[in-house]
Amino acid sequence: MVNIEDKYNCCGCTACASICAHDAITMAPDSLGFLYPKANSELCVNCGLCDKVCQFHNNYNRYDNYDSPLAYQFRLSQDEQLKKSQSGGAFFAIADKFIADGGVVYGAAFTDTWRVTHQKANDNITLSALRMSKYVQSDLRGVFRQIKNELKNGVRVLFSGTACQVAGLKAYIPKLLRKNLFCIDIVCHGVPSPKIWEDYLAYLQKTRGSQIVKACFRDKRFGWHGARESFLFENGKEEFRRTSNYLYFSGLSMRESCSNCHYTNLKRVGDITVGDQWGIPKDSPYEDDKGLSLILINSDKGKQLFENIEKKAEGISIKDCMQPQLKQPSKLHPDHQRFIYDYESKGFLYVAKKYGDLGWRYKRKCLIESIKDLIRPLIRR
């Protein structure tokens, strides 16, 4: 029977809950909204499947993936589609072709209330919801079983998610059904709190007196390197804010297991890995702030997907694509536990002022960054 004694050892992929034939395991949120398995001893028959399916450990199954991936940098040739993509459009290119060939795609998307869940796309309209980064851990409850039913019916499925989610799905799907399952894992920086995101939106909507009708974690209108989030309100007003550090990248609200991630290396579990291709040389034609994708081909299936797309890609060496998230896990902020205590005891507004973008420290940082934005073009000359 599954029993999570240490949050550092559970990534919340839902594989254990999905495989339980007696529905003895449910995924319950903690105070930050992260899901953890909770077992019902009255329903559990001690079959042990929940423990066997777990892949969150150093000896995770790689399913005959290459020992060393093939690396490419990629950019969509169509400017309009490139503008709608977070980096170079690698995910869209692969997913669009997959759907055109009769398959379905599962990836992270917003619900009507701006929660992030994994959803199914089978045409261009539904695929658009899966594009762009979502800097919150997605809710996978029920999704693994849905994918298994698709595969049973002979449907080709492309799943996109974090490496731990991909590992969990592949472990859950029986070997006989994996032939039609294709997986993309993303270069992940760790997943921030769904509950903090929910409170953040509630605060914005309350103080602006209008509902949010569109949200973007990293608005590309400010360039690929631009760290700006945007919100469009029902009253027609649009707001742009510097990406909230306490929400996303500081490690304050990050899931504990992300600091213990087993997948931050080149031993990938997806057939393809996608991410931003940072570190472009200044004399490169791609140094135009339009975005560039990193693609790692990790298996024969991944090679098949890659060869099927219309591409503008260049092979690169592994050393030219290495980045921190392919070397070691992201780190929790030193004040992570204090942040949780403050949030649980004093609420969102308190931590937003103390650690985030509502306090004087953040406003001072914004001023400094604005000055840097003005100076940067002069330095490049």
Protein backbone atom coordinates (compact mmCIF):
# COMPACT_ATOMS: atom_id res chain seq x y z
CA MET A 1 0.00 0.00 0.00
CA VAL A 2 1.40 3.35 -1.04
CA ASN A 3 2.48 5.54 1.85
CA ILE A 4 4.27 8.83 1.18
CA GLU A 5 6.27 9.61 4.31
CA ASP A 6 8.54 12.14 2.60
CA LYS A 7 7.24 14.60 0.00
CA TYR A 8 10.67 14.65 -1.64
CA ASN A 9 9.94 11.13 -2.91
CA CYS A 10 6.66 11.75 -4.77
CA CYS A 11 6.25 13.71 -8.01
CA GLY A 12 2.43 13.37 -8.14
CA CYS A 13 2.31 11.65 -11.56
CA THR A 14 -0.86 9.65 -10.61
CA ALA A 15 0.50 6.29 -11.87
CA CYS A 16 -0.19 4.59 -8.52
CA ALA A 17 -3.78 5.84 -8.36
CA SER A 18 -4.36 4.96 -12.02
CA ILE A 19 -3.17 1.36 -11.72
CA CYS A 20 -5.23 0.51 -8.64
CA ALA A 21 -8.11 -1.67 -9.84
CA HIS A 22 -9.97 -1.19 -6.55
CA ASP A 23 -9.74 2.62 -6.57
CA ALA A 24 -8.15 2.47 -3.16
CA ILE A 25 -5.90 5.43 -3.96
CA THR A 26 -7.01 9.01 -4.50
CA MET A 27 -4.84 12.02 -5.28
CA ALA A 28 -5.35 14.68 -2.60
CA PRO A 29 -3.93 18.24 -2.65
CA ASP A 30 -1.75 19.66 0.10
CA SER A 31 -1.82 23.31 1.19
CA LEU A 32 0.04 24.40 -1.99
CA GLY A 33 -2.26 22.38 -4.25
CA PHE A 34 0.25 19.64 -5.06
CA LEU A 35 -1.34 16.20 -5.39
CA TYR A 36 -0.22 13.23 -3.30
CA PRO A 37 -1.62 9.68 -3.20
CA LYS A 38 -3.82 8.81 -0.27
CA ALA A 39 -4.65 5.14 0.29
CA ASN A 40 -7.89 3.75 1.73
CA SER A 41 -6.89 0.72 3.82
CA GLU A 42 -10.44 -0.67 3.69
CA LEU A 43 -10.32 -0.92 -0.12
CA CYS A 44 -6.65 -1.91 -0.47
CA VAL A 45 -5.94 -5.63 -1.13
CA ASN A 46 -2.14 -5.24 -0.76
CA CYS A 47 -1.42 -6.30 -4.35
CA GLY A 48 1.68 -4.09 -4.45
CA LEU A 49 1.03 -2.69 -7.92
CA CYS A 50 1.17 0.89 -6.68
CA ASP A 51 4.72 0.42 -5.45
CA LYS A 52 5.82 -1.50 -8.55
CA VAL A 53 4.54 1.13 -11.01
CA CYS A 54 6.38 4.02 -9.34
CA GLN A 55 9.29 5.28 -11.45
CA PHE A 56 10.41 8.16 -9.26
CA HIS A 57 13.81 6.71 -8.42
CA ASN A 58 17.30 6.52 -9.89
CA ASN A 59 16.74 3.17 -11.61
CA TYR A 60 13.80 4.32 -13.73
CA ASN A 61 12.98 2.34 -16.88
CA ARG A 62 14.16 3.95 -20.14
CA TYR A 63 12.44 1.50 -22.53
CA ASP A 64 15.39 1.03 -24.94
CA ASN A 65 15.94 4.78 -25.41
CA TYR A 66 19.32 5.83 -26.79
CA ASP A 67 22.23 6.04 -24.37
CA SER A 68 23.03 9.47 -25.82
CA PRO A 69 20.44 11.64 -27.62
CA LEU A 70 20.75 13.29 -31.02
CA ALA A 71 20.57 17.07 -30.60
CA TYR A 72 19.04 19.67 -32.93
CA GLN A 73 18.07 23.31 -32.80
CA PHE A 74 14.77 24.02 -34.49
CA ARG A 75 12.59 26.88 -35.62
CA LEU A 76 9.25 26.95 -37.44
CA SER A 77 9.54 28.51 -40.88
CA GLN A 78 6.10 30.18 -40.66
CA ASP A 79 6.40 33.47 -38.76
CA GLU A 80 2.75 33.54 -37.68
CA GLN A 81 2.99 30.11 -36.06
CA LEU A 82 6.36 31.01 -34.56
CA LYS A 83 4.80 34.03 -32.81
CA LYS A 84 2.22 31.70 -31.24
CA SER A 85 4.91 29.35 -29.93
CA GLN A 86 6.88 29.79 -26.71
CA SER A 87 10.29 29.22 -28.30
CA GLY A 88 10.98 27.79 -31.78
CA GLY A 89 7.70 25.88 -32.14
CA ALA A 90 9.05 22.32 -31.87
CA PHE A 91 6.08 20.97 -29.93
CA PHE A 92 3.56 22.50 -32.31
CA ALA A 93 5.34 21.15 -35.40
CA ILE A 94 5.38 17.60 -34.02
CA ALA A 95 1.86 17.69 -32.55
CA ASP A 96 0.27 19.31 -35.62
CA LYS A 97 1.69 16.63 -37.91
CA PHE A 98 0.69 13.88 -35.46
CA ILE A 99 -2.93 15.06 -35.51
CA ALA A 100 -2.88 15.44 -39.31
CA ASP A 101 -1.85 11.78 -39.49
CA GLY A 102 -4.89 10.72 -37.45
CA GLY A 103 -3.54 10.70 -33.91
CA VAL A 104 -4.52 12.59 -30.75
CA VAL A 105 -2.33 14.71 -28.48
CA TYR A 106 -2.44 15.15 -24.70
CA GLY A 107 -0.78 18.15 -23.09
CA ALA A 108 -1.13 20.86 -20.46
CA ALA A 109 -3.87 23.46 -21.01
CA PHE A 110 -5.97 25.93 -19.04
CA THR A 111 -9.50 25.17 -17.94
CA ASP A 112 -12.23 27.84 -18.01
CA THR A 113 -11.17 28.83 -14.47
CA TRP A 114 -7.44 28.94 -15.40
CA ARG A 115 -6.47 25.73 -13.64
CA VAL A 116 -3.80 23.75 -15.51
CA THR A 117 -4.85 20.22 -16.44
CA HIS A 118 -3.84 17.72 -19.10
CA GLN A 119 -6.31 17.80 -21.97
CA LYS A 120 -6.86 16.06 -25.31
CA ALA A 121 -6.42 17.72 -28.70
CA ASN A 122 -7.55 16.21 -31.99
CA ASP A 123 -7.71 19.27 -34.28
CA ASN A 124 -6.07 22.67 -34.75
CA ILE A 125 -8.48 24.45 -32.43
CA THR A 126 -7.98 22.16 -29.45
CA LEU A 127 -4.24 21.94 -30.14
CA SER A 128 -3.90 25.72 -29.73
CA ALA A 129 -4.80 25.37 -26.03
CA LEU A 130 -1.81 23.09 -25.49
CA ARG A 131 0.71 25.61 -26.84
CA MET A 132 2.88 27.96 -24.76
CA SER A 133 4.44 27.20 -21.37
CA LYS A 134 2.35 26.58 -18.26
CA TYR A 135 4.46 27.28 -15.17
CA VAL A 136 2.24 25.28 -12.81
CA GLN A 137 2.07 21.54 -12.22
CA SER A 138 -0.77 20.12 -14.29
CA ASP A 139 -3.53 17.96 -12.85
CA LEU A 140 -3.37 14.45 -14.37
CA ARG A 141 -6.22 12.83 -12.45
CA GLY A 142 -8.03 10.39 -14.74
CA VAL A 143 -5.81 11.15 -17.75
CA PHE A 144 -3.66 7.99 -17.69
CA ARG A 145 -6.74 5.77 -17.78
CA GLN A 146 -8.21 7.85 -20.59
CA ILE A 147 -5.02 7.40 -22.63
CA LYS A 148 -5.03 3.66 -21.95
CA ASN A 149 -8.57 3.42 -23.35
CA GLU A 150 -7.50 5.34 -26.45
CA LEU A 151 -4.64 2.90 -27.01
CA LYS A 152 -6.95 -0.08 -26.50
CA ASN A 153 -9.12 1.30 -29.29
CA GLY A 154 -6.14 1.50 -31.64
CA VAL A 155 -5.70 5.27 -31.44
CA ARG A 156 -2.18 6.69 -31.79
CA VAL A 157 -1.45 8.95 -28.79
CA LEU A 158 1.19 11.63 -28.34
CA PHE A 159 1.67 12.67 -24.71
CA SER A 160 3.61 15.78 -23.69
CA GLY A 161 4.62 16.49 -20.11
CA THR A 162 7.42 16.68 -17.59
CA ALA A 163 9.84 13.75 -17.51
CA CYS A 164 8.33 12.39 -14.27
CA GLN A 165 4.86 12.46 -15.84
CA VAL A 166 6.13 10.66 -18.95
CA ALA A 167 7.90 8.05 -16.82
CA GLY A 168 4.74 7.46 -14.81
CA LEU A 169 2.56 7.09 -17.91
CA LYS A 170 4.92 4.67 -19.66
CA ALA A 171 5.15 2.52 -16.53
CA TYR A 172 1.36 2.42 -16.24
CA ILE A 173 0.65 1.52 -19.88
CA PRO A 174 1.07 -2.25 -20.52
CA LYS A 175 3.84 -3.21 -22.94
CA LEU A 176 1.38 -4.55 -25.54
CA LEU A 177 -0.26 -1.10 -25.80
CA ARG A 178 2.89 1.01 -25.95
CA LYS A 179 3.37 0.59 -29.71
CA ASN A 180 1.01 3.49 -30.43
CA LEU A 181 2.17 5.65 -27.52
CA PHE A 182 4.62 8.44 -28.31
CA CYS A 183 5.98 10.74 -25.61
CA ILE A 184 7.58 14.18 -25.46
CA ASP A 185 9.22 15.25 -22.22
CA ILE A 186 10.13 18.87 -21.58
CA VAL A 187 13.26 20.40 -20.11
CA CYS A 188 11.78 21.23 -16.72
CA HIS A 189 12.77 23.89 -14.17
CA GLY A 190 10.59 22.40 -11.44
CA VAL A 191 6.86 22.92 -10.98
CA PRO A 192 5.44 25.79 -8.88
CA SER A 193 2.31 25.68 -6.73
CA PRO A 194 -1.13 25.40 -8.37
CA LYS A 195 -2.77 26.92 -5.27
CA ILE A 196 -0.54 30.01 -5.27
CA TRP A 197 -1.38 30.51 -8.97
CA GLU A 198 -5.10 30.23 -8.15
CA ASP A 199 -4.81 32.79 -5.34
CA TYR A 200 -2.75 35.11 -7.55
CA LEU A 201 -5.48 35.16 -10.21
CA ALA A 202 -8.19 35.68 -7.60
CA TYR A 203 -6.25 38.68 -6.25
CA LEU A 204 -5.83 40.22 -9.72
CA GLN A 205 -9.51 39.76 -10.58
CA LYS A 206 -10.69 41.19 -7.27
CA THR A 207 -8.44 44.26 -7.32
CA ARG A 208 -9.09 44.97 -11.04
CA GLY A 209 -12.82 44.38 -10.71
CA SER A 210 -12.96 42.19 -13.79
CA GLN A 211 -12.56 38.53 -14.76
CA ILE A 212 -9.48 37.32 -16.63
CA VAL A 213 -10.26 36.08 -20.14
CA LYS A 214 -6.70 35.41 -21.32
CA ALA A 215 -3.48 34.66 -19.46
CA CYS A 216 0.07 34.08 -20.67
CA PHE A 217 3.02 33.14 -18.46
CA ARG A 218 5.66 34.47 -20.87
CA ASP A 219 4.28 36.84 -23.48
CA LYS A 220 6.36 36.66 -26.64
CA ARG A 221 5.37 40.16 -27.72
CA PHE A 222 8.21 41.24 -25.43
CA GLY A 223 10.61 38.95 -27.24
CA TRP A 224 11.71 35.40 -26.59
CA HIS A 225 13.98 36.53 -23.77
CA GLY A 226 11.34 38.79 -22.26
CA ALA A 227 10.15 37.70 -18.83
CA ARG A 228 6.68 39.30 -19.02
CA GLU A 229 3.37 37.73 -18.13
CA SER A 230 0.16 39.18 -19.54
CA PHE A 231 -3.49 39.20 -18.53
CA LEU A 232 -6.47 40.31 -20.58
CA PHE A 233 -9.55 41.23 -18.55
CA GLU A 234 -13.21 41.00 -19.46
CA ASN A 235 -13.50 44.79 -19.37
CA GLY A 236 -11.02 45.02 -22.25
CA LYS A 237 -8.03 46.14 -20.21
CA GLU A 238 -4.72 44.32 -20.62
CA GLU A 239 -1.97 44.18 -18.03
CA PHE A 240 1.68 43.22 -18.39
CA ARG A 241 3.76 42.24 -15.40
CA ARG A 242 7.28 41.02 -14.86
CA THR A 243 7.15 37.26 -14.37
CA SER A 244 6.47 36.70 -10.66
CA ASN A 245 9.63 35.25 -9.18
CA TYR A 246 7.97 33.85 -6.06
CA LEU A 247 5.47 32.04 -8.24
CA TYR A 248 7.76 30.41 -10.74
CA PHE A 249 11.54 30.43 -10.65
CA SER A 250 12.72 31.27 -7.13
CA GLY A 251 12.00 27.83 -5.64
CA LEU A 252 9.81 29.30 -2.90
CA SER A 253 6.65 27.50 -3.99
CA MET A 254 8.25 24.64 -5.93
CA ARG A 255 7.25 21.04 -5.29
CA GLU A 256 9.76 19.40 -2.93
CA SER A 257 10.36 16.40 -5.21
CA CYS A 258 11.64 18.71 -7.96
CA SER A 259 14.75 19.33 -5.86
CA ASN A 260 15.18 15.56 -5.79
CA CYS A 261 14.46 15.01 -9.50
CA HIS A 262 15.97 11.86 -11.02
CA TYR A 263 15.47 12.98 -14.64
CA THR A 264 17.63 16.11 -14.86
CA ASN A 265 20.21 14.46 -17.12
CA LEU A 266 20.55 13.16 -20.68
CA LYS A 267 19.07 9.75 -19.82
CA ARG A 268 15.67 10.87 -21.07
CA VAL A 269 12.42 8.93 -20.80
CA GLY A 270 10.50 10.63 -23.62
CA ASP A 271 10.95 9.69 -27.26
CA ILE A 272 11.73 13.36 -27.82
CA THR A 273 12.80 16.08 -25.40
CA VAL A 274 11.96 19.72 -26.18
CA GLY A 275 12.99 22.97 -24.55
CA ASP A 276 14.42 26.42 -25.17
CA GLN A 277 17.77 26.44 -26.96
CA TRP A 278 19.60 29.06 -24.94
CA GLY A 279 23.17 30.23 -25.42
CA ILE A 280 22.91 31.19 -29.09
CA PRO A 281 26.15 32.81 -30.36
CA LYS A 282 25.79 36.57 -30.97
CA ASP A 283 26.71 36.18 -34.64
CA SER A 284 24.05 33.50 -35.21
CA PRO A 285 21.12 34.29 -37.56
CA TYR A 286 18.88 33.01 -34.74
CA GLU A 287 19.98 35.81 -32.40
CA ASP A 288 16.87 37.85 -33.27
CA ASP A 289 14.74 37.17 -30.15
CA LYS A 290 12.13 35.22 -32.14
CA GLY A 291 12.82 31.98 -30.30
CA LEU A 292 14.68 28.74 -30.92
CA SER A 293 13.83 25.22 -29.76
CA LEU A 294 16.09 22.47 -28.54
CA ILE A 295 15.11 18.99 -29.71
CA LEU A 296 16.70 15.83 -28.33
CA ILE A 297 15.92 12.61 -30.23
CA ASN A 298 15.96 9.82 -27.67
CA SER A 299 14.54 6.76 -29.47
CA ASP A 300 13.62 5.26 -32.82
CA LYS A 301 10.06 6.47 -32.23
CA GLY A 302 11.35 9.97 -31.62
CA LYS A 303 13.39 9.81 -34.81
CA GLN A 304 10.26 8.77 -36.71
CA LEU A 305 8.31 11.75 -35.32
CA PHE A 306 11.13 14.13 -36.15
CA GLU A 307 11.57 12.88 -39.70
CA ASN A 308 7.85 13.29 -40.42
CA ILE A 309 7.72 17.05 -39.78
CA GLU A 310 8.52 19.87 -42.16
CA LYS A 311 11.55 21.28 -40.46
CA LYS A 312 14.15 23.97 -40.36
CA ALA A 313 16.60 22.22 -38.07
CA GLU A 314 20.34 22.01 -37.56
CA GLY A 315 22.24 19.24 -35.84
CA ILE A 316 24.27 20.47 -32.87
CA SER A 317 26.64 18.87 -30.41
CA ILE A 318 25.49 17.92 -26.95
CA LYS A 319 27.89 20.42 -25.38
CA ASP A 320 26.14 23.22 -27.31
CA CYS A 321 22.76 22.45 -25.76
CA MET A 322 23.62 21.70 -22.16
CA GLN A 323 21.84 23.82 -19.57
CA PRO A 324 21.44 23.56 -15.78
CA GLN A 325 18.18 21.58 -15.98
CA LEU A 326 19.96 18.85 -17.97
CA LYS A 327 22.67 18.59 -15.31
CA GLN A 328 21.06 18.79 -11.87
CA PRO A 329 17.70 19.38 -10.18
CA SER A 330 16.44 22.87 -9.47
CA LYS A 331 16.99 24.03 -5.91
CA LEU A 332 14.40 24.94 -3.34
CA HIS A 333 14.71 28.46 -1.99
CA PRO A 334 16.38 28.61 1.45
CA ASP A 335 13.14 30.18 2.75
CA HIS A 336 10.89 27.51 1.20
CA GLN A 337 9.64 26.10 4.51
CA ARG A 338 9.21 29.60 5.97
CA PHE A 339 7.25 30.58 2.85
CA ILE A 340 4.90 27.61 3.34
CA TYR A 341 4.45 28.42 7.03
CA ASP A 342 3.69 32.05 6.26
CA TYR A 343 1.28 31.09 3.48
CA GLU A 344 -0.58 28.54 5.62
CA SER A 345 -0.81 30.82 8.65
CA LYS A 346 -1.14 34.29 7.09
CA GLY A 347 -2.41 33.78 3.56
CA PHE A 348 -1.56 34.76 0.02
CA LEU A 349 -1.50 38.54 0.37
CA TYR A 350 1.05 38.34 3.17
CA VAL A 351 3.52 36.17 1.21
CA ALA A 352 2.94 38.23 -1.95
CA LYS A 353 4.09 41.32 -0.08
CA LYS A 354 6.88 39.64 1.87
CA TYR A 355 8.37 37.54 -0.94
CA GLY A 356 6.73 38.66 -4.14
CA ASP A 357 5.62 41.39 -6.50
CA LEU A 358 3.47 43.41 -4.11
CA GLY A 359 6.27 44.55 -1.83
CA TRP A 360 8.91 47.29 -2.11
CA ARG A 361 11.70 44.81 -2.89
CA TYR A 362 9.94 43.76 -6.08
CA LYS A 363 9.24 47.36 -7.13
CA ARG A 364 12.90 48.23 -6.64
CA LYS A 365 13.90 45.21 -8.76
CA CYS A 366 11.45 46.27 -11.51
CA LEU A 367 13.04 49.71 -11.61
CA ILE A 368 16.52 48.21 -11.95
CA GLU A 369 15.35 45.79 -14.67
CA SER A 370 13.66 48.62 -16.58
CA ILE A 371 16.92 50.56 -16.59
CA LYS A 372 18.74 47.46 -17.85
CA ASP A 373 16.16 47.07 -20.65
CA LEU A 374 16.96 50.61 -21.80
CA ILE A 375 20.71 50.08 -21.65
CA ARG A 376 20.86 46.59 -23.22
CA PRO A 377 20.32 47.70 -26.88
CA LEU A 378 23.08 50.29 -26.50
CA ILE A 379 25.50 47.63 -25.20
CA ARG A 380 24.73 45.31 -28.15
CA ARG A 381 25.74 48.05 -30.58
